Amino acid sequence: MGAHPYAPAELDLPGYVPLQLSQLEILGVYLGTSVFVLLSVWLVSGRIRRLSKADRLLMCWWAFTGLTHLLIEGPFVFTPDFFSKNSPNFFDEVWKEYSKGDSRYVARDTATVTVEGITAVLEGPASLLAVYAIASGKSYSHILQFTVCLGQLYGCLVYFITAYLDGFNFWASPFYFWAYFIGANSSWVVIPTLIAARSWKRICAAIHQSEKVKTK
């Protein structure tokens, strides 16, 4: 059993290769790239005059979350040996670092891999489609956003509930619990809830208006 920084201490990770990047380096690249994506989408969306500020913010969110699902979560799903690679890439290092807050990732827990797989393969492309739908004013924009939000909320529920049922013993320290397990995931609870409520109201209003037209 190789030495590792994860909990529980008896977790067996054959061939584990320690992190080669520091926490600051990993978070710096991730946060810097995220800010670049958000600013780029915000500036580009500003050229579409009919878009409201709310629409532009939604485009920023969907671009960010879509790329996160595809480029961050995707490699985790399809790289089962990420923790034992002798020449790890940046994404391998991201998941070795994040596993300090939830060792189910480095342990390749089947429920976690399944949730992340569905998220990366389905919700990632759907999120980027939402960017296009908002920018183009497509009629399916709110239905798409509502559907993806439900998927994200369902994934979060499974994620947190399975952690509770499995004993809540997956973080190296309280810091990683609050910073990674809670903090890094809170956005995918709060923001999808707000977007789903907004889209629900828009869908209901559109149906109501359509029914009024039919009865005239």
N, C-alpha and C. Protein backbone atom coordinates (compact mmCIF):
# COMPACT_ATOMS: atom_id res chain seq x y z
N MET A 1 0.85 -1.19 0.00
CA MET A 1 0.00 0.00 0.00
C MET A 1 0.89 1.24 0.00
N GLY A 2 0.85 2.02 -1.11
CA GLY A 2 1.71 3.18 -1.22
C GLY A 2 1.21 4.34 -0.38
N ALA A 3 2.15 5.17 0.11
CA ALA A 3 1.78 6.33 0.91
C ALA A 3 1.06 7.36 0.04
N HIS A 4 0.01 7.95 0.58
CA HIS A 4 -0.75 8.96 -0.15
C HIS A 4 -1.39 9.91 0.85
N PRO A 5 -1.85 11.07 0.40
CA PRO A 5 -2.41 12.07 1.33
C PRO A 5 -3.92 11.97 1.53
N TYR A 6 -4.55 10.89 1.09
CA TYR A 6 -6.00 10.81 1.06
C TYR A 6 -6.58 10.06 2.26
N ALA A 7 -7.88 10.27 2.46
CA ALA A 7 -8.60 9.58 3.51
C ALA A 7 -9.61 8.62 2.87
N PRO A 8 -9.80 7.46 3.50
CA PRO A 8 -9.13 6.98 4.72
C PRO A 8 -7.69 6.55 4.43
N ALA A 9 -6.88 6.52 5.48
CA ALA A 9 -5.46 6.22 5.33
C ALA A 9 -5.21 4.84 4.75
N GLU A 10 -6.16 3.90 4.99
CA GLU A 10 -5.96 2.52 4.50
C GLU A 10 -6.37 2.34 3.04
N LEU A 11 -6.77 3.43 2.38
CA LEU A 11 -7.14 3.35 0.97
C LEU A 11 -5.95 2.86 0.16
N ASP A 12 -6.15 1.81 -0.61
CA ASP A 12 -5.07 1.20 -1.39
C ASP A 12 -5.03 1.78 -2.78
N LEU A 13 -3.91 2.43 -3.12
CA LEU A 13 -3.73 3.03 -4.44
C LEU A 13 -2.43 2.52 -5.05
N PRO A 14 -2.46 1.36 -5.68
CA PRO A 14 -1.24 0.77 -6.26
C PRO A 14 -0.58 1.69 -7.28
N GLY A 15 0.70 1.94 -7.10
CA GLY A 15 1.43 2.74 -8.06
C GLY A 15 1.21 4.23 -7.96
N TYR A 16 0.64 4.69 -6.85
CA TYR A 16 0.34 6.12 -6.70
C TYR A 16 1.59 6.97 -6.90
N VAL A 17 1.46 8.01 -7.75
CA VAL A 17 2.55 8.95 -8.00
C VAL A 17 2.17 10.28 -7.36
N PRO A 18 2.97 10.80 -6.44
CA PRO A 18 2.63 12.05 -5.75
C PRO A 18 2.47 13.23 -6.70
N LEU A 19 1.74 14.22 -6.24
CA LEU A 19 1.54 15.43 -7.02
C LEU A 19 2.87 16.08 -7.38
N GLN A 20 2.95 16.54 -8.62
CA GLN A 20 4.15 17.22 -9.08
C GLN A 20 3.95 18.72 -9.21
N LEU A 21 2.68 19.17 -9.20
CA LEU A 21 2.36 20.59 -9.20
C LEU A 21 1.84 20.98 -7.83
N SER A 22 2.09 22.21 -7.43
CA SER A 22 1.60 22.69 -6.14
C SER A 22 0.12 23.07 -6.26
N GLN A 23 -0.53 23.19 -5.12
CA GLN A 23 -1.92 23.61 -5.11
C GLN A 23 -2.07 24.97 -5.78
N LEU A 24 -1.14 25.88 -5.51
CA LEU A 24 -1.20 27.22 -6.09
C LEU A 24 -1.09 27.17 -7.62
N GLU A 25 -0.21 26.32 -8.12
CA GLU A 25 -0.06 26.20 -9.58
C GLU A 25 -1.32 25.65 -10.23
N ILE A 26 -1.91 24.63 -9.61
CA ILE A 26 -3.12 24.02 -10.16
C ILE A 26 -4.29 24.99 -10.14
N LEU A 27 -4.54 25.61 -8.99
CA LEU A 27 -5.66 26.53 -8.87
C LEU A 27 -5.43 27.79 -9.70
N GLY A 28 -4.18 28.22 -9.79
CA GLY A 28 -3.88 29.41 -10.57
C GLY A 28 -4.22 29.23 -12.04
N VAL A 29 -3.84 28.09 -12.60
CA VAL A 29 -4.14 27.82 -14.02
C VAL A 29 -5.65 27.68 -14.21
N TYR A 30 -6.30 26.92 -13.33
CA TYR A 30 -7.74 26.70 -13.48
C TYR A 30 -8.53 28.00 -13.35
N LEU A 31 -8.25 28.77 -12.31
CA LEU A 31 -8.98 30.01 -12.08
C LEU A 31 -8.67 31.05 -13.16
N GLY A 32 -7.40 31.11 -13.57
CA GLY A 32 -7.02 32.06 -14.62
C GLY A 32 -7.71 31.75 -15.94
N THR A 33 -7.74 30.47 -16.29
CA THR A 33 -8.41 30.06 -17.53
C THR A 33 -9.91 30.31 -17.44
N SER A 34 -10.50 30.06 -16.28
CA SER A 34 -11.93 30.28 -16.10
C SER A 34 -12.28 31.75 -16.27
N VAL A 35 -11.49 32.63 -15.68
CA VAL A 35 -11.72 34.07 -15.81
C VAL A 35 -11.59 34.50 -17.27
N PHE A 36 -10.61 33.93 -17.97
CA PHE A 36 -10.43 34.25 -19.39
C PHE A 36 -11.66 33.86 -20.20
N VAL A 37 -12.20 32.66 -19.93
CA VAL A 37 -13.40 32.20 -20.65
C VAL A 37 -14.58 33.12 -20.36
N LEU A 38 -14.78 33.44 -19.08
CA LEU A 38 -15.92 34.28 -18.70
C LEU A 38 -15.83 35.67 -19.33
N LEU A 39 -14.65 36.27 -19.28
CA LEU A 39 -14.47 37.60 -19.86
C LEU A 39 -14.64 37.58 -21.38
N SER A 40 -14.11 36.53 -22.02
CA SER A 40 -14.21 36.43 -23.47
C SER A 40 -15.66 36.33 -23.93
N VAL A 41 -16.42 35.46 -23.26
CA VAL A 41 -17.83 35.30 -23.63
C VAL A 41 -18.61 36.57 -23.34
N TRP A 42 -18.31 37.23 -22.22
CA TRP A 42 -19.00 38.46 -21.88
C TRP A 42 -18.76 39.54 -22.95
N LEU A 43 -17.51 39.68 -23.38
CA LEU A 43 -17.17 40.70 -24.37
C LEU A 43 -17.77 40.39 -25.74
N VAL A 44 -17.67 39.12 -26.14
CA VAL A 44 -18.22 38.73 -27.45
C VAL A 44 -19.74 38.87 -27.45
N SER A 45 -20.40 38.46 -26.38
CA SER A 45 -21.86 38.54 -26.32
C SER A 45 -22.35 39.98 -26.34
N GLY A 46 -21.50 40.91 -25.92
CA GLY A 46 -21.87 42.32 -25.92
C GLY A 46 -22.09 42.87 -27.31
N ARG A 47 -21.61 42.18 -28.32
CA ARG A 47 -21.79 42.63 -29.70
C ARG A 47 -23.17 42.27 -30.26
N ILE A 48 -23.90 41.42 -29.51
CA ILE A 48 -25.25 41.05 -29.93
C ILE A 48 -26.21 41.96 -29.18
N ARG A 49 -26.69 43.00 -29.84
CA ARG A 49 -27.39 44.09 -29.16
C ARG A 49 -28.70 43.66 -28.51
N ARG A 50 -29.36 42.66 -29.05
CA ARG A 50 -30.67 42.29 -28.50
C ARG A 50 -30.56 41.52 -27.19
N LEU A 51 -29.36 41.09 -26.82
CA LEU A 51 -29.19 40.31 -25.59
C LEU A 51 -29.20 41.21 -24.36
N SER A 52 -29.93 40.77 -23.34
CA SER A 52 -29.92 41.48 -22.07
C SER A 52 -28.68 41.10 -21.28
N LYS A 53 -28.42 41.82 -20.21
CA LYS A 53 -27.29 41.47 -19.36
C LYS A 53 -27.47 40.09 -18.74
N ALA A 54 -28.73 39.74 -18.43
CA ALA A 54 -29.01 38.41 -17.88
C ALA A 54 -28.65 37.33 -18.89
N ASP A 55 -29.00 37.55 -20.15
CA ASP A 55 -28.66 36.58 -21.20
C ASP A 55 -27.15 36.43 -21.34
N ARG A 56 -26.46 37.54 -21.28
CA ARG A 56 -25.00 37.51 -21.42
C ARG A 56 -24.35 36.77 -20.24
N LEU A 57 -24.88 37.00 -19.05
CA LEU A 57 -24.38 36.28 -17.88
C LEU A 57 -24.64 34.79 -18.00
N LEU A 58 -25.82 34.45 -18.51
CA LEU A 58 -26.16 33.04 -18.72
C LEU A 58 -25.22 32.40 -19.73
N MET A 59 -24.88 33.12 -20.79
CA MET A 59 -23.93 32.59 -21.77
C MET A 59 -22.57 32.33 -21.13
N CYS A 60 -22.16 33.25 -20.26
CA CYS A 60 -20.88 33.07 -19.55
C CYS A 60 -20.92 31.80 -18.70
N TRP A 61 -22.01 31.63 -17.96
CA TRP A 61 -22.13 30.46 -17.10
C TRP A 61 -22.13 29.17 -17.92
N TRP A 62 -22.94 29.13 -18.98
CA TRP A 62 -23.04 27.90 -19.76
C TRP A 62 -21.74 27.56 -20.47
N ALA A 63 -21.00 28.58 -20.89
CA ALA A 63 -19.70 28.32 -21.50
C ALA A 63 -18.73 27.77 -20.47
N PHE A 64 -18.71 28.38 -19.29
CA PHE A 64 -17.83 27.93 -18.21
C PHE A 64 -18.16 26.51 -17.78
N THR A 65 -19.45 26.25 -17.49
CA THR A 65 -19.81 24.93 -16.99
C THR A 65 -19.66 23.87 -18.07
N GLY A 66 -19.96 24.22 -19.32
CA GLY A 66 -19.81 23.25 -20.40
C GLY A 66 -18.37 22.83 -20.61
N LEU A 67 -17.47 23.81 -20.62
CA LEU A 67 -16.05 23.50 -20.79
C LEU A 67 -15.49 22.76 -19.58
N THR A 68 -16.00 23.08 -18.39
CA THR A 68 -15.57 22.35 -17.19
C THR A 68 -15.98 20.88 -17.28
N HIS A 69 -17.24 20.64 -17.68
CA HIS A 69 -17.72 19.26 -17.83
C HIS A 69 -16.88 18.49 -18.85
N LEU A 70 -16.60 19.13 -19.97
CA LEU A 70 -15.90 18.43 -21.05
C LEU A 70 -14.40 18.29 -20.80
N LEU A 71 -13.76 19.40 -20.44
CA LEU A 71 -12.29 19.41 -20.39
C LEU A 71 -11.70 19.02 -19.04
N ILE A 72 -12.48 19.16 -17.97
CA ILE A 72 -11.98 18.78 -16.65
C ILE A 72 -12.53 17.41 -16.24
N GLU A 73 -13.87 17.27 -16.29
CA GLU A 73 -14.48 16.02 -15.86
C GLU A 73 -14.30 14.90 -16.88
N GLY A 74 -14.28 15.26 -18.15
CA GLY A 74 -14.10 14.26 -19.20
C GLY A 74 -12.81 13.45 -19.04
N PRO A 75 -11.65 14.11 -18.90
CA PRO A 75 -10.41 13.36 -18.71
C PRO A 75 -10.42 12.45 -17.50
N PHE A 76 -11.08 12.87 -16.42
CA PHE A 76 -11.18 12.00 -15.24
C PHE A 76 -11.89 10.70 -15.58
N VAL A 77 -13.00 10.81 -16.28
CA VAL A 77 -13.81 9.63 -16.61
C VAL A 77 -13.03 8.64 -17.47
N PHE A 78 -12.29 9.17 -18.44
CA PHE A 78 -11.65 8.30 -19.41
C PHE A 78 -10.16 8.05 -19.14
N THR A 79 -9.70 8.43 -17.94
CA THR A 79 -8.31 8.17 -17.56
C THR A 79 -8.28 7.50 -16.19
N PRO A 80 -8.61 6.23 -16.12
CA PRO A 80 -8.70 5.55 -14.83
C PRO A 80 -7.37 5.45 -14.08
N ASP A 81 -6.25 5.58 -14.80
CA ASP A 81 -4.94 5.45 -14.16
C ASP A 81 -4.29 6.79 -13.87
N PHE A 82 -5.10 7.87 -13.79
CA PHE A 82 -4.52 9.21 -13.66
C PHE A 82 -3.63 9.36 -12.43
N PHE A 83 -3.92 8.63 -11.36
CA PHE A 83 -3.16 8.80 -10.12
C PHE A 83 -1.83 8.04 -10.13
N SER A 84 -1.62 7.19 -11.13
CA SER A 84 -0.40 6.39 -11.15
C SER A 84 0.48 6.65 -12.38
N LYS A 85 0.15 7.69 -13.13
CA LYS A 85 0.94 7.99 -14.34
C LYS A 85 2.28 8.63 -13.95
N ASN A 86 3.35 8.12 -14.51
CA ASN A 86 4.67 8.65 -14.20
C ASN A 86 4.90 10.03 -14.81
N SER A 87 4.18 10.32 -15.88
CA SER A 87 4.29 11.64 -16.51
C SER A 87 2.89 12.25 -16.58
N PRO A 88 2.36 12.66 -15.45
CA PRO A 88 0.98 13.17 -15.41
C PRO A 88 0.84 14.50 -16.12
N ASN A 89 -0.32 14.71 -16.75
CA ASN A 89 -0.60 16.02 -17.35
C ASN A 89 -1.36 16.88 -16.34
N PHE A 90 -1.72 18.08 -16.75
CA PHE A 90 -2.37 19.01 -15.83
C PHE A 90 -3.67 18.45 -15.28
N PHE A 91 -4.44 17.75 -16.11
CA PHE A 91 -5.74 17.24 -15.68
C PHE A 91 -5.57 16.11 -14.66
N ASP A 92 -4.53 15.31 -14.82
CA ASP A 92 -4.24 14.28 -13.81
C ASP A 92 -3.95 14.93 -12.46
N GLU A 93 -3.20 16.03 -12.50
CA GLU A 93 -2.84 16.73 -11.27
C GLU A 93 -4.06 17.38 -10.62
N VAL A 94 -4.95 17.89 -11.47
CA VAL A 94 -6.19 18.49 -10.93
C VAL A 94 -6.96 17.48 -10.09
N TRP A 95 -7.10 16.26 -10.61
CA TRP A 95 -7.91 15.27 -9.90
C TRP A 95 -7.18 14.67 -8.70
N LYS A 96 -5.86 14.63 -8.74
CA LYS A 96 -5.13 14.18 -7.55
C LYS A 96 -5.26 15.22 -6.44
N GLU A 97 -5.27 16.49 -6.83
CA GLU A 97 -5.45 17.55 -5.84
C GLU A 97 -6.88 17.56 -5.31
N TYR A 98 -7.87 17.49 -6.19
CA TYR A 98 -9.26 17.52 -5.76
C TYR A 98 -9.60 16.32 -4.87
N SER A 99 -8.94 15.21 -5.11
CA SER A 99 -9.22 14.00 -4.33
C SER A 99 -8.89 14.16 -2.85
N LYS A 100 -8.14 15.20 -2.51
CA LYS A 100 -7.91 15.49 -1.09
C LYS A 100 -9.22 15.90 -0.41
N GLY A 101 -10.16 16.38 -1.21
CA GLY A 101 -11.46 16.74 -0.68
C GLY A 101 -12.49 15.65 -0.87
N ASP A 102 -12.20 14.70 -1.76
CA ASP A 102 -13.12 13.59 -2.00
C ASP A 102 -12.33 12.45 -2.64
N SER A 103 -11.86 11.54 -1.80
CA SER A 103 -10.98 10.46 -2.28
C SER A 103 -11.71 9.43 -3.12
N ARG A 104 -13.03 9.55 -3.26
CA ARG A 104 -13.76 8.63 -4.13
C ARG A 104 -13.29 8.78 -5.58
N TYR A 105 -12.74 9.94 -5.92
CA TYR A 105 -12.24 10.15 -7.28
C TYR A 105 -10.99 9.33 -7.54
N VAL A 106 -10.03 9.45 -6.65
CA VAL A 106 -8.79 8.70 -6.84
C VAL A 106 -9.03 7.20 -6.64
N ALA A 107 -10.07 6.85 -5.86
CA ALA A 107 -10.39 5.44 -5.63
C ALA A 107 -11.25 4.87 -6.76
N ARG A 108 -11.68 5.72 -7.69
CA ARG A 108 -12.50 5.30 -8.84
C ARG A 108 -13.82 4.67 -8.37
N ASP A 109 -14.47 5.32 -7.41
CA ASP A 109 -15.78 4.87 -6.95
C ASP A 109 -16.75 4.81 -8.13
N THR A 110 -17.46 3.70 -8.26
CA THR A 110 -18.29 3.49 -9.46
C THR A 110 -19.42 4.52 -9.58
N ALA A 111 -20.06 4.88 -8.47
CA ALA A 111 -21.13 5.87 -8.53
C ALA A 111 -20.60 7.22 -8.97
N THR A 112 -19.43 7.59 -8.45
CA THR A 112 -18.83 8.88 -8.80
C THR A 112 -18.43 8.91 -10.27
N VAL A 113 -17.82 7.84 -10.75
CA VAL A 113 -17.42 7.78 -12.15
C VAL A 113 -18.64 7.84 -13.06
N THR A 114 -19.71 7.17 -12.66
CA THR A 114 -20.94 7.16 -13.46
C THR A 114 -21.54 8.56 -13.56
N VAL A 115 -21.67 9.24 -12.43
CA VAL A 115 -22.22 10.59 -12.42
C VAL A 115 -21.36 11.52 -13.27
N GLU A 116 -20.06 11.44 -13.11
CA GLU A 116 -19.17 12.31 -13.87
C GLU A 116 -19.21 11.96 -15.36
N GLY A 117 -19.38 10.68 -15.68
CA GLY A 117 -19.45 10.27 -17.08
C GLY A 117 -20.68 10.85 -17.76
N ILE A 118 -21.82 10.75 -17.10
CA ILE A 118 -23.06 11.32 -17.65
C ILE A 118 -22.93 12.83 -17.80
N THR A 119 -22.33 13.45 -16.79
CA THR A 119 -22.14 14.90 -16.82
C THR A 119 -21.27 15.33 -17.99
N ALA A 120 -20.15 14.64 -18.18
CA ALA A 120 -19.21 15.02 -19.23
C ALA A 120 -19.78 14.76 -20.62
N VAL A 121 -20.39 13.61 -20.81
CA VAL A 121 -20.84 13.21 -22.15
C VAL A 121 -22.13 13.90 -22.57
N LEU A 122 -23.06 14.10 -21.65
CA LEU A 122 -24.35 14.68 -21.99
C LEU A 122 -24.46 16.16 -21.64
N GLU A 123 -24.16 16.49 -20.40
CA GLU A 123 -24.37 17.86 -19.95
C GLU A 123 -23.32 18.83 -20.48
N GLY A 124 -22.12 18.33 -20.75
CA GLY A 124 -21.09 19.21 -21.32
C GLY A 124 -21.50 19.78 -22.67
N PRO A 125 -21.78 18.93 -23.67
CA PRO A 125 -22.22 19.43 -24.97
C PRO A 125 -23.52 20.22 -24.88
N ALA A 126 -24.46 19.78 -24.03
CA ALA A 126 -25.74 20.48 -23.89
C ALA A 126 -25.54 21.89 -23.35
N SER A 127 -24.58 22.06 -22.45
CA SER A 127 -24.30 23.39 -21.90
C SER A 127 -23.77 24.32 -22.99
N LEU A 128 -22.90 23.81 -23.83
CA LEU A 128 -22.37 24.64 -24.93
C LEU A 128 -23.46 24.93 -25.95
N LEU A 129 -24.37 23.98 -26.14
CA LEU A 129 -25.51 24.23 -27.03
C LEU A 129 -26.38 25.36 -26.47
N ALA A 130 -26.47 25.44 -25.15
CA ALA A 130 -27.24 26.51 -24.52
C ALA A 130 -26.66 27.88 -24.83
N VAL A 131 -25.33 27.96 -24.92
CA VAL A 131 -24.68 29.22 -25.29
C VAL A 131 -25.16 29.65 -26.67
N TYR A 132 -25.14 28.71 -27.60
CA TYR A 132 -25.60 28.99 -28.97
C TYR A 132 -27.08 29.33 -29.00
N ALA A 133 -27.88 28.61 -28.23
CA ALA A 133 -29.33 28.82 -28.22
C ALA A 133 -29.68 30.23 -27.72
N ILE A 134 -29.01 30.68 -26.67
CA ILE A 134 -29.26 32.01 -26.14
C ILE A 134 -28.81 33.07 -27.15
N ALA A 135 -27.62 32.90 -27.70
CA ALA A 135 -27.09 33.88 -28.66
C ALA A 135 -27.95 33.98 -29.90
N SER A 136 -28.53 32.86 -30.32
CA SER A 136 -29.33 32.83 -31.56
C SER A 136 -30.82 33.03 -31.32
N GLY A 137 -31.23 33.11 -30.06
CA GLY A 137 -32.64 33.30 -29.75
C GLY A 137 -33.49 32.11 -30.13
N LYS A 138 -32.97 30.91 -29.97
CA LYS A 138 -33.70 29.70 -30.35
C LYS A 138 -34.90 29.47 -29.43
N SER A 139 -35.96 28.90 -29.99
CA SER A 139 -37.18 28.67 -29.23
C SER A 139 -37.00 27.63 -28.12
N TYR A 140 -36.00 26.76 -28.28
CA TYR A 140 -35.78 25.69 -27.29
C TYR A 140 -34.82 26.10 -26.18
N SER A 141 -34.42 27.36 -26.17
CA SER A 141 -33.40 27.82 -25.22
C SER A 141 -33.76 27.52 -23.77
N HIS A 142 -34.96 27.91 -23.34
CA HIS A 142 -35.33 27.73 -21.94
C HIS A 142 -35.60 26.26 -21.59
N ILE A 143 -36.16 25.52 -22.53
CA ILE A 143 -36.38 24.09 -22.29
C ILE A 143 -35.05 23.39 -22.11
N LEU A 144 -34.08 23.75 -22.95
CA LEU A 144 -32.74 23.16 -22.85
C LEU A 144 -32.08 23.52 -21.53
N GLN A 145 -32.12 24.79 -21.17
CA GLN A 145 -31.50 25.23 -19.92
C GLN A 145 -32.14 24.56 -18.71
N PHE A 146 -33.46 24.48 -18.72
CA PHE A 146 -34.17 23.84 -17.61
C PHE A 146 -33.77 22.36 -17.49
N THR A 147 -33.68 21.68 -18.62
CA THR A 147 -33.34 20.26 -18.62
C THR A 147 -31.92 20.02 -18.10
N VAL A 148 -30.98 20.82 -18.58
CA VAL A 148 -29.59 20.65 -18.14
C VAL A 148 -29.46 20.97 -16.65
N CYS A 149 -30.17 22.00 -16.19
CA CYS A 149 -30.13 22.34 -14.77
C CYS A 149 -30.65 21.19 -13.91
N LEU A 150 -31.73 20.55 -14.35
CA LEU A 150 -32.24 19.41 -13.60
C LEU A 150 -31.20 18.29 -13.55
N GLY A 151 -30.51 18.07 -14.67
CA GLY A 151 -29.46 17.05 -14.70
C GLY A 151 -28.34 17.38 -13.74
N GLN A 152 -27.93 18.64 -13.70
CA GLN A 152 -26.86 19.05 -12.79
C GLN A 152 -27.29 18.91 -11.33
N LEU A 153 -28.51 19.31 -11.03
CA LEU A 153 -29.00 19.19 -9.66
C LEU A 153 -29.15 17.74 -9.24
N TYR A 154 -29.61 16.89 -10.16
CA TYR A 154 -29.73 15.47 -9.86
C TYR A 154 -28.34 14.87 -9.58
N GLY A 155 -27.36 15.25 -10.40
CA GLY A 155 -26.01 14.76 -10.20
C GLY A 155 -25.45 15.19 -8.85
N CYS A 156 -25.72 16.43 -8.45
CA CYS A 156 -25.26 16.92 -7.15
C CYS A 156 -25.92 16.16 -6.00
N LEU A 157 -27.21 15.89 -6.15
CA LEU A 157 -27.92 15.13 -5.12
C LEU A 157 -27.31 13.74 -4.95
N VAL A 158 -27.07 13.06 -6.06
CA VAL A 158 -26.45 11.73 -6.00
C VAL A 158 -25.07 11.83 -5.37
N TYR A 159 -24.33 12.85 -5.76
CA TYR A 159 -22.96 13.04 -5.26
C TYR A 159 -22.94 13.19 -3.74
N PHE A 160 -23.77 14.08 -3.22
CA PHE A 160 -23.77 14.34 -1.78
C PHE A 160 -24.42 13.21 -0.98
N ILE A 161 -25.51 12.66 -1.50
CA ILE A 161 -26.21 11.60 -0.77
C ILE A 161 -25.37 10.34 -0.67
N THR A 162 -24.69 9.96 -1.76
CA THR A 162 -23.85 8.76 -1.71
C THR A 162 -22.67 8.97 -0.76
N ALA A 163 -22.16 10.18 -0.69
CA ALA A 163 -21.07 10.46 0.27
C ALA A 163 -21.56 10.26 1.69
N TYR A 164 -22.76 10.73 1.97
CA TYR A 164 -23.35 10.57 3.30
C TYR A 164 -23.58 9.09 3.62
N LEU A 165 -24.17 8.37 2.67
CA LEU A 165 -24.48 6.96 2.89
C LEU A 165 -23.22 6.10 3.04
N ASP A 166 -22.13 6.53 2.40
CA ASP A 166 -20.88 5.77 2.47
C ASP A 166 -20.01 6.14 3.66
N GLY A 167 -20.50 7.04 4.52
CA GLY A 167 -19.78 7.31 5.76
C GLY A 167 -19.14 8.66 5.91
N PHE A 168 -19.20 9.51 4.88
CA PHE A 168 -18.65 10.86 5.00
C PHE A 168 -17.21 10.83 5.50
N ASN A 169 -16.38 10.02 4.87
CA ASN A 169 -15.00 9.89 5.32
C ASN A 169 -14.05 9.94 4.13
N PHE A 170 -14.15 11.04 3.36
CA PHE A 170 -13.40 11.08 2.10
C PHE A 170 -12.48 12.30 1.97
N TRP A 171 -12.34 13.12 3.00
CA TRP A 171 -11.52 14.31 2.88
C TRP A 171 -10.35 14.27 3.84
N ALA A 172 -9.24 14.84 3.40
CA ALA A 172 -8.00 14.77 4.17
C ALA A 172 -8.04 15.66 5.41
N SER A 173 -8.84 16.74 5.38
CA SER A 173 -8.93 17.66 6.52
C SER A 173 -10.17 18.52 6.34
N PRO A 174 -10.59 19.22 7.40
CA PRO A 174 -11.76 20.11 7.27
C PRO A 174 -11.57 21.17 6.18
N PHE A 175 -10.32 21.62 5.99
CA PHE A 175 -10.08 22.61 4.93
C PHE A 175 -10.51 22.08 3.58
N TYR A 176 -10.12 20.87 3.25
CA TYR A 176 -10.46 20.30 1.94
C TYR A 176 -11.95 19.98 1.85
N PHE A 177 -12.56 19.67 2.98
CA PHE A 177 -14.00 19.44 2.99
C PHE A 177 -14.74 20.71 2.57
N TRP A 178 -14.40 21.83 3.20
CA TRP A 178 -15.10 23.08 2.91
C TRP A 178 -14.67 23.70 1.59
N ALA A 179 -13.39 23.61 1.27
CA ALA A 179 -12.89 24.26 0.05
C ALA A 179 -13.25 23.48 -1.20
N TYR A 180 -13.12 22.15 -1.16
CA TYR A 180 -13.33 21.32 -2.35
C TYR A 180 -14.71 20.66 -2.36
N PHE A 181 -14.98 19.85 -1.35
CA PHE A 181 -16.22 19.08 -1.34
C PHE A 181 -17.45 19.98 -1.33
N ILE A 182 -17.44 21.01 -0.49
CA ILE A 182 -18.57 21.93 -0.41
C ILE A 182 -18.39 23.12 -1.36
N GLY A 183 -17.29 23.83 -1.22
CA GLY A 183 -17.09 25.06 -1.98
C GLY A 183 -17.07 24.88 -3.49
N ALA A 184 -16.31 23.90 -3.95
CA ALA A 184 -16.18 23.72 -5.40
C ALA A 184 -17.45 23.21 -6.05
N ASN A 185 -18.35 22.66 -5.27
CA ASN A 185 -19.59 22.10 -5.83
C ASN A 185 -20.81 22.98 -5.60
N SER A 186 -20.70 23.97 -4.73
CA SER A 186 -21.86 24.78 -4.38
C SER A 186 -22.43 25.54 -5.57
N SER A 187 -21.55 25.96 -6.49
CA SER A 187 -22.03 26.70 -7.66
C SER A 187 -23.00 25.88 -8.49
N TRP A 188 -22.77 24.55 -8.54
CA TRP A 188 -23.63 23.68 -9.36
C TRP A 188 -24.91 23.28 -8.62
N VAL A 189 -25.11 23.87 -7.44
CA VAL A 189 -26.39 23.73 -6.73
C VAL A 189 -27.15 25.05 -6.82
N VAL A 190 -26.49 26.13 -6.46
CA VAL A 190 -27.14 27.44 -6.39
C VAL A 190 -27.51 27.96 -7.78
N ILE A 191 -26.54 28.00 -8.69
CA ILE A 191 -26.80 28.61 -10.01
C ILE A 191 -27.81 27.82 -10.83
N PRO A 192 -27.70 26.49 -10.96
CA PRO A 192 -28.74 25.76 -11.69
C PRO A 192 -30.13 25.91 -11.09
N THR A 193 -30.22 26.04 -9.75
CA THR A 193 -31.52 26.24 -9.13
C THR A 193 -32.13 27.56 -9.59
N LEU A 194 -31.32 28.62 -9.61
CA LEU A 194 -31.81 29.94 -10.04
C LEU A 194 -32.18 29.93 -11.53
N ILE A 195 -31.34 29.30 -12.34
CA ILE A 195 -31.63 29.26 -13.78
C ILE A 195 -32.87 28.42 -14.07
N ALA A 196 -33.01 27.30 -13.39
CA ALA A 196 -34.19 26.44 -13.59
C ALA A 196 -35.47 27.19 -13.24
N ALA A 197 -35.44 27.95 -12.13
CA ALA A 197 -36.62 28.72 -11.73
C ALA A 197 -36.96 29.78 -12.78
N ARG A 198 -35.92 30.44 -13.29
CA ARG A 198 -36.13 31.47 -14.33
C ARG A 198 -36.70 30.87 -15.60
N SER A 199 -36.13 29.76 -16.05
CA SER A 199 -36.60 29.13 -17.28
C SER A 199 -38.00 28.56 -17.11
N TRP A 200 -38.29 28.03 -15.93
CA TRP A 200 -39.63 27.51 -15.64
C TRP A 200 -40.68 28.62 -15.80
N LYS A 201 -40.38 29.78 -15.26
CA LYS A 201 -41.30 30.91 -15.36
C LYS A 201 -41.48 31.33 -16.82
N ARG A 202 -40.39 31.36 -17.59
CA ARG A 202 -40.47 31.76 -18.99
C ARG A 202 -41.28 30.74 -19.81
N ILE A 203 -41.07 29.47 -19.54
CA ILE A 203 -41.81 28.42 -20.25
C ILE A 203 -43.30 28.50 -19.93
N CYS A 204 -43.62 28.65 -18.66
CA CYS A 204 -45.02 28.75 -18.24
C CYS A 204 -45.69 29.98 -18.85
N ALA A 205 -44.97 31.10 -18.87
CA ALA A 205 -45.52 32.33 -19.45
C ALA A 205 -45.78 32.16 -20.94
N ALA A 206 -44.86 31.48 -21.63
CA ALA A 206 -45.02 31.27 -23.07
C ALA A 206 -46.22 30.37 -23.36
N ILE A 207 -46.39 29.33 -22.56
CA ILE A 207 -47.53 28.42 -22.75
C ILE A 207 -48.83 29.14 -22.45
N HIS A 208 -48.84 29.94 -21.41
CA HIS A 208 -50.03 30.70 -21.04
C HIS A 208 -50.42 31.67 -22.15
N GLN A 209 -49.42 32.36 -22.71
CA GLN A 209 -49.67 33.30 -23.79
C GLN A 209 -50.21 32.59 -25.02
N SER A 210 -49.66 31.41 -25.30
CA SER A 210 -50.12 30.63 -26.45
C SER A 210 -51.56 30.20 -26.28
N GLU A 211 -51.93 29.80 -25.08
CA GLU A 211 -53.30 29.37 -24.81
C GLU A 211 -54.28 30.53 -24.92
N LYS A 212 -53.84 31.72 -24.51
CA LYS A 212 -54.69 32.89 -24.63
C LYS A 212 -54.96 33.24 -26.08
N VAL A 213 -53.93 33.10 -26.92
CA VAL A 213 -54.08 33.37 -28.35
C VAL A 213 -55.05 32.39 -28.98
N LYS A 214 -54.97 31.12 -28.59
CA LYS A 214 -55.84 30.10 -29.15
C LYS A 214 -57.30 30.31 -28.81
N THR A 215 -57.55 30.87 -27.64
CA THR A 215 -58.94 31.06 -27.19
C THR A 215 -59.59 32.31 -27.74
N LYS A 216 -58.80 33.15 -28.41
CA LYS A 216 -59.38 34.38 -28.97
C LYS A 216 -60.17 34.08 -30.24
